[in-house]
Amino acid sequence: SPQTIRRTPRLIRSSDPEMIHLSLITKGTVGFRMGGPDALYGPYEL
């Protein structure tokens, strides 16, 4: 359901397992912000 996931500097300082994540969106849209302009991803984008 609609929600926001945040990884903050405080959380990174407390624990960083050095994981790479990739999502294949199959339905809906996903907004993303990571040190640059906001982006919006749709179905079958990675």
ModelCIF file with pLDDT and N, C-alpha, C, O atoms, coordinates in Angstrom:
data_MODEL
#
_entry.id   MODEL 
#
_entity.id                         1 
_entity.type                       polymer 
_entity.pdbx_number_of_molecules   1 
#
_entity_poly.entity_id                      1 
_entity_poly.type                           'polypeptide(L)' 
_entity_poly.nstd_linkage                   no 
_entity_poly.nstd_monomer                   no 
_entity_poly.pdbx_seq_one_letter_code       SPQTIRRTPRLIRSSDPEMIHLSLITKGTVGFRMGGPDALYGPYEL 
_entity_poly.pdbx_seq_one_letter_code_can   SPQTIRRTPRLIRSSDPEMIHLSLITKGTVGFRMGGPDALYGPYEL 
_entity_poly.pdbx_strand_id                 A 
#
loop_
_entity_poly_seq.entity_id 
_entity_poly_seq.num 
_entity_poly_seq.mon_id 
_entity_poly_seq.hetero 
1 1  SER n 
1 2  PRO n 
1 3  GLN n 
1 4  THR n 
1 5  ILE n 
1 6  ARG n 
1 7  ARG n 
1 8  THR n 
1 9  PRO n 
1 10 ARG n 
1 11 LEU n 
1 12 ILE n 
1 13 ARG n 
1 14 SER n 
1 15 SER n 
1 16 ASP n 
1 17 PRO n 
1 18 GLU n 
1 19 MET n 
1 20 ILE n 
1 21 HIS n 
1 22 LEU n 
1 23 SER n 
1 24 LEU n 
1 25 ILE n 
1 26 THR n 
1 27 LYS n 
1 28 GLY n 
1 29 THR n 
1 30 VAL n 
1 31 GLY n 
1 32 PHE n 
1 33 ARG n 
1 34 MET n 
1 35 GLY n 
1 36 GLY n 
1 37 PRO n 
1 38 ASP n 
1 39 ALA n 
1 40 LEU n 
1 41 TYR n 
1 42 GLY n 
1 43 PRO n 
1 44 TYR n 
1 45 GLU n 
1 46 LEU n 
#
_struct_asym.id          A 
_struct_asym.entity_id   1 
#
loop_
_ma_qa_metric.id 
_ma_qa_metric.mode 
_ma_qa_metric.name 
_ma_qa_metric.software_group_id 
_ma_qa_metric.type 
1 global pLDDT . pLDDT 
2 local  pLDDT . pLDDT 
#
_ma_qa_metric_global.metric_id      1 
_ma_qa_metric_global.metric_value   94.48 
_ma_qa_metric_global.model_id       1 
_ma_qa_metric_global.ordinal_id     1 
#
loop_
_ma_qa_metric_local.label_asym_id 
_ma_qa_metric_local.label_comp_id 
_ma_qa_metric_local.label_seq_id 
_ma_qa_metric_local.metric_id 
_ma_qa_metric_local.metric_value 
_ma_qa_metric_local.model_id 
_ma_qa_metric_local.ordinal_id 
A SER 1  2 93.00 1 1  
A PRO 2  2 93.00 1 2  
A GLN 3  2 94.00 1 3  
A THR 4  2 94.00 1 4  
A ILE 5  2 96.00 1 5  
A ARG 6  2 96.00 1 6  
A ARG 7  2 96.00 1 7  
A THR 8  2 96.00 1 8  
A PRO 9  2 96.00 1 9  
A ARG 10 2 97.00 1 10 
A LEU 11 2 97.00 1 11 
A ILE 12 2 97.00 1 12 
A ARG 13 2 96.00 1 13 
A SER 14 2 95.00 1 14 
A SER 15 2 95.00 1 15 
A ASP 16 2 96.00 1 16 
A PRO 17 2 96.00 1 17 
A GLU 18 2 96.00 1 18 
A MET 19 2 96.00 1 19 
A ILE 20 2 97.00 1 20 
A HIS 21 2 97.00 1 21 
A LEU 22 2 97.00 1 22 
A SER 23 2 96.00 1 23 
A LEU 24 2 96.00 1 24 
A ILE 25 2 96.00 1 25 
A THR 26 2 95.00 1 26 
A LYS 27 2 96.00 1 27 
A GLY 28 2 96.00 1 28 
A THR 29 2 96.00 1 29 
A VAL 30 2 96.00 1 30 
A GLY 31 2 96.00 1 31 
A PHE 32 2 96.00 1 32 
A ARG 33 2 94.00 1 33 
A MET 34 2 92.00 1 34 
A GLY 35 2 82.00 1 35 
A GLY 36 2 78.00 1 36 
A PRO 37 2 80.00 1 37 
A ASP 38 2 90.00 1 38 
A ALA 39 2 94.00 1 39 
A LEU 40 2 95.00 1 40 
A TYR 41 2 96.00 1 41 
A GLY 42 2 96.00 1 42 
A PRO 43 2 95.00 1 43 
A TYR 44 2 96.00 1 44 
A GLU 45 2 96.00 1 45 
A LEU 46 2 97.00 1 46 
#
loop_
_atom_site.group_PDB 
_atom_site.id 
_atom_site.type_symbol 
_atom_site.label_atom_id 
_atom_site.label_alt_id 
_atom_site.label_comp_id 
_atom_site.label_asym_id 
_atom_site.label_entity_id 
_atom_site.label_seq_id 
_atom_site.pdbx_PDB_ins_code 
_atom_site.Cartn_x 
_atom_site.Cartn_y 
_atom_site.Cartn_z 
_atom_site.occupancy 
_atom_site.B_iso_or_equiv 
_atom_site.pdbx_formal_charge 
_atom_site.auth_seq_id 
_atom_site.auth_comp_id 
_atom_site.auth_asym_id 
_atom_site.auth_atom_id 
_atom_site.pdbx_PDB_model_num 
ATOM 1   N N  . SER A 1 1  ? 0.869  -1.180 0.000   1.00 93.00 ? 1  SER A N  1 
ATOM 2   C CA . SER A 1 1  ? 0.000  0.000  0.000   1.00 93.00 ? 1  SER A CA 1 
ATOM 3   C C  . SER A 1 1  ? 0.907  1.231  0.000   1.00 93.00 ? 1  SER A C  1 
ATOM 4   O O  . SER A 1 1  ? 2.099  1.089  0.273   1.00 93.00 ? 1  SER A O  1 
ATOM 5   N N  . PRO A 1 2  ? 0.400  2.435  -0.293  1.00 93.00 ? 2  PRO A N  1 
ATOM 6   C CA . PRO A 1 2  ? 1.251  3.624  -0.323  1.00 93.00 ? 2  PRO A CA 1 
ATOM 7   C C  . PRO A 1 2  ? 1.994  3.820  0.999   1.00 93.00 ? 2  PRO A C  1 
ATOM 8   O O  . PRO A 1 2  ? 1.404  3.746  2.077   1.00 93.00 ? 2  PRO A O  1 
ATOM 9   N N  . GLN A 1 3  ? 3.298  4.070  0.893   1.00 94.00 ? 3  GLN A N  1 
ATOM 10  C CA . GLN A 1 3  ? 4.137  4.281  2.068   1.00 94.00 ? 3  GLN A CA 1 
ATOM 11  C C  . GLN A 1 3  ? 5.479  4.855  1.625   1.00 94.00 ? 3  GLN A C  1 
ATOM 12  O O  . GLN A 1 3  ? 5.815  4.814  0.441   1.00 94.00 ? 3  GLN A O  1 
ATOM 13  N N  . THR A 1 4  ? 6.234  5.383  2.561   1.00 94.00 ? 4  THR A N  1 
ATOM 14  C CA . THR A 1 4  ? 7.555  5.934  2.276   1.00 94.00 ? 4  THR A CA 1 
ATOM 15  C C  . THR A 1 4  ? 8.590  5.185  3.106   1.00 94.00 ? 4  THR A C  1 
ATOM 16  O O  . THR A 1 4  ? 8.415  4.980  4.307   1.00 94.00 ? 4  THR A O  1 
ATOM 17  N N  . ILE A 1 5  ? 9.676  4.778  2.440   1.00 96.00 ? 5  ILE A N  1 
ATOM 18  C CA . ILE A 1 5  ? 10.795 4.102  3.101   1.00 96.00 ? 5  ILE A CA 1 
ATOM 19  C C  . ILE A 1 5  ? 11.971 5.062  3.118   1.00 96.00 ? 5  ILE A C  1 
ATOM 20  O O  . ILE A 1 5  ? 12.324 5.635  2.088   1.00 96.00 ? 5  ILE A O  1 
ATOM 21  N N  . ARG A 1 6  ? 12.574 5.238  4.276   1.00 96.00 ? 6  ARG A N  1 
ATOM 22  C CA . ARG A 1 6  ? 13.689 6.182  4.414   1.00 96.00 ? 6  ARG A CA 1 
ATOM 23  C C  . ARG A 1 6  ? 14.909 5.497  5.019   1.00 96.00 ? 6  ARG A C  1 
ATOM 24  O O  . ARG A 1 6  ? 14.814 4.787  6.020   1.00 96.00 ? 6  ARG A O  1 
ATOM 25  N N  . ARG A 1 7  ? 16.031 5.725  4.399   1.00 96.00 ? 7  ARG A N  1 
ATOM 26  C CA . ARG A 1 7  ? 17.322 5.310  4.962   1.00 96.00 ? 7  ARG A CA 1 
ATOM 27  C C  . ARG A 1 7  ? 18.087 6.602  5.238   1.00 96.00 ? 7  ARG A C  1 
ATOM 28  O O  . ARG A 1 7  ? 18.469 7.308  4.305   1.00 96.00 ? 7  ARG A O  1 
ATOM 29  N N  . THR A 1 8  ? 18.306 6.907  6.485   1.00 96.00 ? 8  THR A N  1 
ATOM 30  C CA . THR A 1 8  ? 18.866 8.195  6.904   1.00 96.00 ? 8  THR A CA 1 
ATOM 31  C C  . THR A 1 8  ? 20.342 8.053  7.254   1.00 96.00 ? 8  THR A C  1 
ATOM 32  O O  . THR A 1 8  ? 20.818 6.943  7.490   1.00 96.00 ? 8  THR A O  1 
ATOM 33  N N  . PRO A 1 9  ? 21.072 9.168  7.290   1.00 96.00 ? 9  PRO A N  1 
ATOM 34  C CA . PRO A 1 9  ? 22.483 9.109  7.728   1.00 96.00 ? 9  PRO A CA 1 
ATOM 35  C C  . PRO A 1 9  ? 22.643 8.476  9.106   1.00 96.00 ? 9  PRO A C  1 
ATOM 36  O O  . PRO A 1 9  ? 23.607 7.751  9.351   1.00 96.00 ? 9  PRO A O  1 
ATOM 37  N N  . ARG A 1 10 ? 21.705 8.749  10.002  1.00 97.00 ? 10 ARG A N  1 
ATOM 38  C CA . ARG A 1 10 ? 21.797 8.162  11.342  1.00 97.00 ? 10 ARG A CA 1 
ATOM 39  C C  . ARG A 1 10 ? 21.715 6.635  11.263  1.00 97.00 ? 10 ARG A C  1 
ATOM 40  O O  . ARG A 1 10 ? 22.474 5.939  11.936  1.00 97.00 ? 10 ARG A O  1 
ATOM 41  N N  . LEU A 1 11 ? 20.805 6.118  10.450  1.00 97.00 ? 11 LEU A N  1 
ATOM 42  C CA . LEU A 1 11 ? 20.684 4.670  10.311  1.00 97.00 ? 11 LEU A CA 1 
ATOM 43  C C  . LEU A 1 11 ? 21.915 4.064  9.640   1.00 97.00 ? 11 LEU A C  1 
ATOM 44  O O  . LEU A 1 11 ? 22.338 2.962  9.988   1.00 97.00 ? 11 LEU A O  1 
ATOM 45  N N  . ILE A 1 12 ? 22.485 4.784  8.683   1.00 97.00 ? 12 ILE A N  1 
ATOM 46  C CA . ILE A 1 12 ? 23.694 4.287  8.020   1.00 97.00 ? 12 ILE A CA 1 
ATOM 47  C C  . ILE A 1 12 ? 24.852 4.205  9.011   1.00 97.00 ? 12 ILE A C  1 
ATOM 48  O O  . ILE A 1 12 ? 25.616 3.239  9.004   1.00 97.00 ? 12 ILE A O  1 
ATOM 49  N N  . ARG A 1 13 ? 24.976 5.216  9.855   1.00 96.00 ? 13 ARG A N  1 
ATOM 50  C CA . ARG A 1 13 ? 26.051 5.187  10.860  1.00 96.00 ? 13 ARG A CA 1 
ATOM 51  C C  . ARG A 1 13 ? 25.867 4.034  11.840  1.00 96.00 ? 13 ARG A C  1 
ATOM 52  O O  . ARG A 1 13 ? 26.846 3.467  12.327  1.00 96.00 ? 13 ARG A O  1 
ATOM 53  N N  . SER A 1 14 ? 24.637 3.695  12.125  1.00 95.00 ? 14 SER A N  1 
ATOM 54  C CA . SER A 1 14 ? 24.388 2.631  13.101  1.00 95.00 ? 14 SER A CA 1 
ATOM 55  C C  . SER A 1 14 ? 24.592 1.246  12.504  1.00 95.00 ? 14 SER A C  1 
ATOM 56  O O  . SER A 1 14 ? 24.970 0.320  13.222  1.00 95.00 ? 14 SER A O  1 
ATOM 57  N N  . SER A 1 15 ? 24.349 1.084  11.199  1.00 95.00 ? 15 SER A N  1 
ATOM 58  C CA . SER A 1 15 ? 24.496 -0.226 10.566  1.00 95.00 ? 15 SER A CA 1 
ATOM 59  C C  . SER A 1 15 ? 24.502 -0.083 9.057   1.00 95.00 ? 15 SER A C  1 
ATOM 60  O O  . SER A 1 15 ? 23.585 0.498  8.476   1.00 95.00 ? 15 SER A O  1 
ATOM 61  N N  . ASP A 1 16 ? 25.536 -0.611 8.426   1.00 96.00 ? 16 ASP A N  1 
ATOM 62  C CA . ASP A 1 16 ? 25.587 -0.622 6.964   1.00 96.00 ? 16 ASP A CA 1 
ATOM 63  C C  . ASP A 1 16 ? 26.111 -1.976 6.477   1.00 96.00 ? 16 ASP A C  1 
ATOM 64  O O  . ASP A 1 16 ? 27.318 -2.215 6.485   1.00 96.00 ? 16 ASP A O  1 
ATOM 65  N N  . PRO A 1 17 ? 25.211 -2.854 6.055   1.00 96.00 ? 17 PRO A N  1 
ATOM 66  C CA . PRO A 1 17 ? 25.627 -4.167 5.547   1.00 96.00 ? 17 PRO A CA 1 
ATOM 67  C C  . PRO A 1 17 ? 26.157 -4.132 4.122   1.00 96.00 ? 17 PRO A C  1 
ATOM 68  O O  . PRO A 1 17 ? 26.511 -5.174 3.570   1.00 96.00 ? 17 PRO A O  1 
ATOM 69  N N  . GLU A 1 18 ? 26.220 -2.929 3.507   1.00 96.00 ? 18 GLU A N  1 
ATOM 70  C CA . GLU A 1 18 ? 26.731 -2.755 2.141   1.00 96.00 ? 18 GLU A CA 1 
ATOM 71  C C  . GLU A 1 18 ? 25.971 -3.646 1.156   1.00 96.00 ? 18 GLU A C  1 
ATOM 72  O O  . GLU A 1 18 ? 26.547 -4.494 0.475   1.00 96.00 ? 18 GLU A O  1 
ATOM 73  N N  . MET A 1 19 ? 24.668 -3.423 1.107   1.00 96.00 ? 19 MET A N  1 
ATOM 74  C CA . MET A 1 19 ? 23.787 -4.169 0.222   1.00 96.00 ? 19 MET A CA 1 
ATOM 75  C C  . MET A 1 19 ? 23.388 -3.318 -0.975  1.00 96.00 ? 19 MET A C  1 
ATOM 76  O O  . MET A 1 19 ? 23.152 -2.116 -0.852  1.00 96.00 ? 19 MET A O  1 
ATOM 77  N N  . ILE A 1 20 ? 23.317 -3.960 -2.128  1.00 97.00 ? 20 ILE A N  1 
ATOM 78  C CA . ILE A 1 20 ? 22.793 -3.350 -3.347  1.00 97.00 ? 20 ILE A CA 1 
ATOM 79  C C  . ILE A 1 20 ? 21.370 -3.858 -3.551  1.00 97.00 ? 20 ILE A C  1 
ATOM 80  O O  . ILE A 1 20 ? 21.107 -5.055 -3.437  1.00 97.00 ? 20 ILE A O  1 
ATOM 81  N N  . HIS A 1 21 ? 20.466 -2.948 -3.851  1.00 97.00 ? 21 HIS A N  1 
ATOM 82  C CA . HIS A 1 21 ? 19.059 -3.301 -4.063  1.00 97.00 ? 21 HIS A CA 1 
ATOM 83  C C  . HIS A 1 21 ? 18.637 -2.904 -5.467  1.00 97.00 ? 21 HIS A C  1 
ATOM 84  O O  . HIS A 1 21 ? 18.987 -1.828 -5.954  1.00 97.00 ? 21 HIS A O  1 
ATOM 85  N N  . LEU A 1 22 ? 17.879 -3.787 -6.114  1.00 97.00 ? 22 LEU A N  1 
ATOM 86  C CA . LEU A 1 22 ? 17.241 -3.465 -7.397  1.00 97.00 ? 22 LEU A CA 1 
ATOM 87  C C  . LEU A 1 22 ? 15.803 -3.917 -7.334  1.00 97.00 ? 22 LEU A C  1 
ATOM 88  O O  . LEU A 1 22 ? 15.514 -5.024 -6.880  1.00 97.00 ? 22 LEU A O  1 
ATOM 89  N N  . SER A 1 23 ? 14.890 -3.059 -7.793  1.00 96.00 ? 23 SER A N  1 
ATOM 90  C CA . SER A 1 23 ? 13.464 -3.397 -7.866  1.00 96.00 ? 23 SER A CA 1 
ATOM 91  C C  . SER A 1 23 ? 12.983 -3.320 -9.301  1.00 96.00 ? 23 SER A C  1 
ATOM 92  O O  . SER A 1 23 ? 13.243 -2.345 -10.006 1.00 96.00 ? 23 SER A O  1 
ATOM 93  N N  . LEU A 1 24 ? 12.280 -4.355 -9.725  1.00 96.00 ? 24 LEU A N  1 
ATOM 94  C CA . LEU A 1 24 ? 11.531 -4.353 -10.975 1.00 96.00 ? 24 LEU A CA 1 
ATOM 95  C C  . LEU A 1 24 ? 10.087 -4.042 -10.618 1.00 96.00 ? 24 LEU A C  1 
ATOM 96  O O  . LEU A 1 24 ? 9.403  -4.868 -10.013 1.00 96.00 ? 24 LEU A O  1 
ATOM 97  N N  . ILE A 1 25 ? 9.627  -2.876 -10.984 1.00 96.00 ? 25 ILE A N  1 
ATOM 98  C CA . ILE A 1 25 ? 8.251  -2.476 -10.678 1.00 96.00 ? 25 ILE A CA 1 
ATOM 99  C C  . ILE A 1 25 ? 7.339  -3.113 -11.731 1.00 96.00 ? 25 ILE A C  1 
ATOM 100 O O  . ILE A 1 25 ? 7.566  -2.955 -12.930 1.00 96.00 ? 25 ILE A O  1 
ATOM 101 N N  . THR A 1 26 ? 6.323  -3.823 -11.286 1.00 95.00 ? 26 THR A N  1 
ATOM 102 C CA . THR A 1 26 ? 5.392  -4.460 -12.212 1.00 95.00 ? 26 THR A CA 1 
ATOM 103 C C  . THR A 1 26 ? 4.015  -3.811 -12.214 1.00 95.00 ? 26 THR A C  1 
ATOM 104 O O  . THR A 1 26 ? 3.224  -4.030 -13.131 1.00 95.00 ? 26 THR A O  1 
ATOM 105 N N  . LYS A 1 27 ? 3.725  -3.012 -11.187 1.00 96.00 ? 27 LYS A N  1 
ATOM 106 C CA . LYS A 1 27 ? 2.443  -2.317 -11.130 1.00 96.00 ? 27 LYS A CA 1 
ATOM 107 C C  . LYS A 1 27 ? 2.606  -1.072 -10.267 1.00 96.00 ? 27 LYS A C  1 
ATOM 108 O O  . LYS A 1 27 ? 3.265  -1.112 -9.228  1.00 96.00 ? 27 LYS A O  1 
ATOM 109 N N  . GLY A 1 28 ? 1.998  0.044  -10.705 1.00 96.00 ? 28 GLY A N  1 
ATOM 110 C CA . GLY A 1 28 ? 2.048  1.274  -9.924  1.00 96.00 ? 28 GLY A CA 1 
ATOM 111 C C  . GLY A 1 28 ? 3.266  2.117  -10.251 1.00 96.00 ? 28 GLY A C  1 
ATOM 112 O O  . GLY A 1 28 ? 3.992  1.845  -11.207 1.00 96.00 ? 28 GLY A O  1 
ATOM 113 N N  . THR A 1 29 ? 3.478  3.151  -9.439  1.00 96.00 ? 29 THR A N  1 
ATOM 114 C CA . THR A 1 29 ? 4.610  4.055  -9.627  1.00 96.00 ? 29 THR A CA 1 
ATOM 115 C C  . THR A 1 29 ? 5.360  4.210  -8.308  1.00 96.00 ? 29 THR A C  1 
ATOM 116 O O  . THR A 1 29 ? 4.808  4.033  -7.222  1.00 96.00 ? 29 THR A O  1 
ATOM 117 N N  . VAL A 1 30 ? 6.641  4.548  -8.448  1.00 96.00 ? 30 VAL A N  1 
ATOM 118 C CA . VAL A 1 30 ? 7.518  4.697  -7.282  1.00 96.00 ? 30 VAL A CA 1 
ATOM 119 C C  . VAL A 1 30 ? 8.342  5.965  -7.456  1.00 96.00 ? 30 VAL A C  1 
ATOM 120 O O  . VAL A 1 30 ? 9.035  6.136  -8.459  1.00 96.00 ? 30 VAL A O  1 
ATOM 121 N N  . GLY A 1 31 ? 8.257  6.861  -6.458  1.00 96.00 ? 31 GLY A N  1 
ATOM 122 C CA . GLY A 1 31 ? 9.122  8.024  -6.436  1.00 96.00 ? 31 GLY A CA 1 
ATOM 123 C C  . GLY A 1 31 ? 10.414 7.690  -5.711  1.00 96.00 ? 31 GLY A C  1 
ATOM 124 O O  . GLY A 1 31 ? 10.439 6.844  -4.818  1.00 96.00 ? 31 GLY A O  1 
ATOM 125 N N  . PHE A 1 32 ? 11.496 8.370  -6.107  1.00 96.00 ? 32 PHE A N  1 
ATOM 126 C CA . PHE A 1 32 ? 12.804 8.030  -5.530  1.00 96.00 ? 32 PHE A CA 1 
ATOM 127 C C  . PHE A 1 32 ? 13.658 9.283  -5.423  1.00 96.00 ? 32 PHE A C  1 
ATOM 128 O O  . PHE A 1 32 ? 13.701 10.115 -6.330  1.00 96.00 ? 32 PHE A O  1 
ATOM 129 N N  . ARG A 1 33 ? 14.333 9.390  -4.289  1.00 94.00 ? 33 ARG A N  1 
ATOM 130 C CA . ARG A 1 33 ? 15.254 10.514 -4.049  1.00 94.00 ? 33 ARG A CA 1 
ATOM 131 C C  . ARG A 1 33 ? 16.516 9.963  -3.400  1.00 94.00 ? 33 ARG A C  1 
ATOM 132 O O  . ARG A 1 33 ? 16.450 9.318  -2.354  1.00 94.00 ? 33 ARG A O  1 
ATOM 133 N N  . MET A 1 34 ? 17.690 10.223 -4.034  1.00 92.00 ? 34 MET A N  1 
ATOM 134 C CA . MET A 1 34 ? 18.952 9.766  -3.475  1.00 92.00 ? 34 MET A CA 1 
ATOM 135 C C  . MET A 1 34 ? 20.078 10.693 -3.946  1.00 92.00 ? 34 MET A C  1 
ATOM 136 O O  . MET A 1 34 ? 20.768 10.400 -4.923  1.00 92.00 ? 34 MET A O  1 
ATOM 137 N N  . GLY A 1 35 ? 20.251 11.797 -3.248  1.00 82.00 ? 35 GLY A N  1 
ATOM 138 C CA . GLY A 1 35 ? 21.356 12.699 -3.547  1.00 82.00 ? 35 GLY A CA 1 
ATOM 139 C C  . GLY A 1 35 ? 21.265 13.398 -4.877  1.00 82.00 ? 35 GLY A C  1 
ATOM 140 O O  . GLY A 1 35 ? 22.273 13.921 -5.354  1.00 82.00 ? 35 GLY A O  1 
ATOM 141 N N  . GLY A 1 36 ? 20.110 13.431 -5.497  1.00 78.00 ? 36 GLY A N  1 
ATOM 142 C CA . GLY A 1 36 ? 19.945 14.087 -6.782  1.00 78.00 ? 36 GLY A CA 1 
ATOM 143 C C  . GLY A 1 36 ? 18.508 14.505 -6.964  1.00 78.00 ? 36 GLY A C  1 
ATOM 144 O O  . GLY A 1 36 ? 17.738 14.524 -6.004  1.00 78.00 ? 36 GLY A O  1 
ATOM 145 N N  . PRO A 1 37 ? 18.133 14.846 -8.203  1.00 80.00 ? 37 PRO A N  1 
ATOM 146 C CA . PRO A 1 37 ? 16.738 15.236 -8.433  1.00 80.00 ? 37 PRO A CA 1 
ATOM 147 C C  . PRO A 1 37 ? 15.790 14.072 -8.198  1.00 80.00 ? 37 PRO A C  1 
ATOM 148 O O  . PRO A 1 37 ? 16.153 12.908 -8.369  1.00 80.00 ? 37 PRO A O  1 
ATOM 149 N N  . ASP A 1 38 ? 14.567 14.410 -7.802  1.00 90.00 ? 38 ASP A N  1 
ATOM 150 C CA . ASP A 1 38 ? 13.552 13.379 -7.611  1.00 90.00 ? 38 ASP A CA 1 
ATOM 151 C C  . ASP A 1 38 ? 13.264 12.668 -8.931  1.00 90.00 ? 38 ASP A C  1 
ATOM 152 O O  . ASP A 1 38 ? 13.292 13.285 -9.997  1.00 90.00 ? 38 ASP A O  1 
ATOM 153 N N  . ALA A 1 39 ? 12.991 11.384 -8.853  1.00 94.00 ? 39 ALA A N  1 
ATOM 154 C CA . ALA A 1 39 ? 12.679 10.597 -10.040 1.00 94.00 ? 39 ALA A CA 1 
ATOM 155 C C  . ALA A 1 39 ? 11.404 9.810  -9.792  1.00 94.00 ? 39 ALA A C  1 
ATOM 156 O O  . ALA A 1 39 ? 11.075 9.484  -8.651  1.00 94.00 ? 39 ALA A O  1 
ATOM 157 N N  . LEU A 1 40 ? 10.692 9.510  -10.866 1.00 95.00 ? 40 LEU A N  1 
ATOM 158 C CA . LEU A 1 40 ? 9.464  8.709  -10.786 1.00 95.00 ? 40 LEU A CA 1 
ATOM 159 C C  . LEU A 1 40 ? 9.615  7.525  -11.727 1.00 95.00 ? 40 LEU A C  1 
ATOM 160 O O  . LEU A 1 40 ? 9.909  7.693  -12.911 1.00 95.00 ? 40 LEU A O  1 
ATOM 161 N N  . TYR A 1 41 ? 9.413  6.329  -11.194 1.00 96.00 ? 41 TYR A N  1 
ATOM 162 C CA . TYR A 1 41 ? 9.565  5.093  -11.956 1.00 96.00 ? 41 TYR A CA 1 
ATOM 163 C C  . TYR A 1 41 ? 8.200  4.439  -12.152 1.00 96.00 ? 41 TYR A C  1 
ATOM 164 O O  . TYR A 1 41 ? 7.341  4.477  -11.271 1.00 96.00 ? 41 TYR A O  1 
ATOM 165 N N  . GLY A 1 42 ? 8.023  3.835  -13.333 1.00 96.00 ? 42 GLY A N  1 
ATOM 166 C CA . GLY A 1 42 ? 6.778  3.147  -13.634 1.00 96.00 ? 42 GLY A CA 1 
ATOM 167 C C  . GLY A 1 42 ? 7.014  1.676  -13.938 1.00 96.00 ? 42 GLY A C  1 
ATOM 168 O O  . GLY A 1 42 ? 8.122  1.170  -13.757 1.00 96.00 ? 42 GLY A O  1 
ATOM 169 N N  . PRO A 1 43 ? 5.969  0.984  -14.403 1.00 95.00 ? 43 PRO A N  1 
ATOM 170 C CA . PRO A 1 43 ? 6.071  -0.453 -14.648 1.00 95.00 ? 43 PRO A CA 1 
ATOM 171 C C  . PRO A 1 43 ? 7.197  -0.818 -15.613 1.00 95.00 ? 43 PRO A C  1 
ATOM 172 O O  . PRO A 1 43 ? 7.397  -0.176 -16.644 1.00 95.00 ? 43 PRO A O  1 
ATOM 173 N N  . TYR A 1 44 ? 7.915  -1.859 -15.248 1.00 96.00 ? 44 TYR A N  1 
ATOM 174 C CA . TYR A 1 44 ? 8.999  -2.460 -16.010 1.00 96.00 ? 44 TYR A CA 1 
ATOM 175 C C  . TYR A 1 44 ? 10.195 -1.533 -16.173 1.00 96.00 ? 44 TYR A C  1 
ATOM 176 O O  . TYR A 1 44 ? 10.965 -1.640 -17.127 1.00 96.00 ? 44 TYR A O  1 
ATOM 177 N N  . GLU A 1 45 ? 10.327 -0.621 -15.215 1.00 96.00 ? 45 GLU A N  1 
ATOM 178 C CA . GLU A 1 45 ? 11.584 0.091  -15.054 1.00 96.00 ? 45 GLU A CA 1 
ATOM 179 C C  . GLU A 1 45 ? 12.325 -0.510 -13.865 1.00 96.00 ? 45 GLU A C  1 
ATOM 180 O O  . GLU A 1 45 ? 11.717 -1.054 -12.943 1.00 96.00 ? 45 GLU A O  1 
ATOM 181 N N  . LEU A 1 46 ? 13.651 -0.399 -13.905 1.00 97.00 ? 46 LEU A N  1 
ATOM 182 C CA . LEU A 1 46 ? 14.509 -0.954 -12.869 1.00 97.00 ? 46 LEU A CA 1 
ATOM 183 C C  . LEU A 1 46 ? 15.039 0.184  -12.012 1.00 97.00 ? 46 LEU A C  1 
ATOM 184 O O  . LEU A 1 46 ? 15.791 -0.055 -11.067 1.00 97.00 ? 46 LEU A O  1 
#
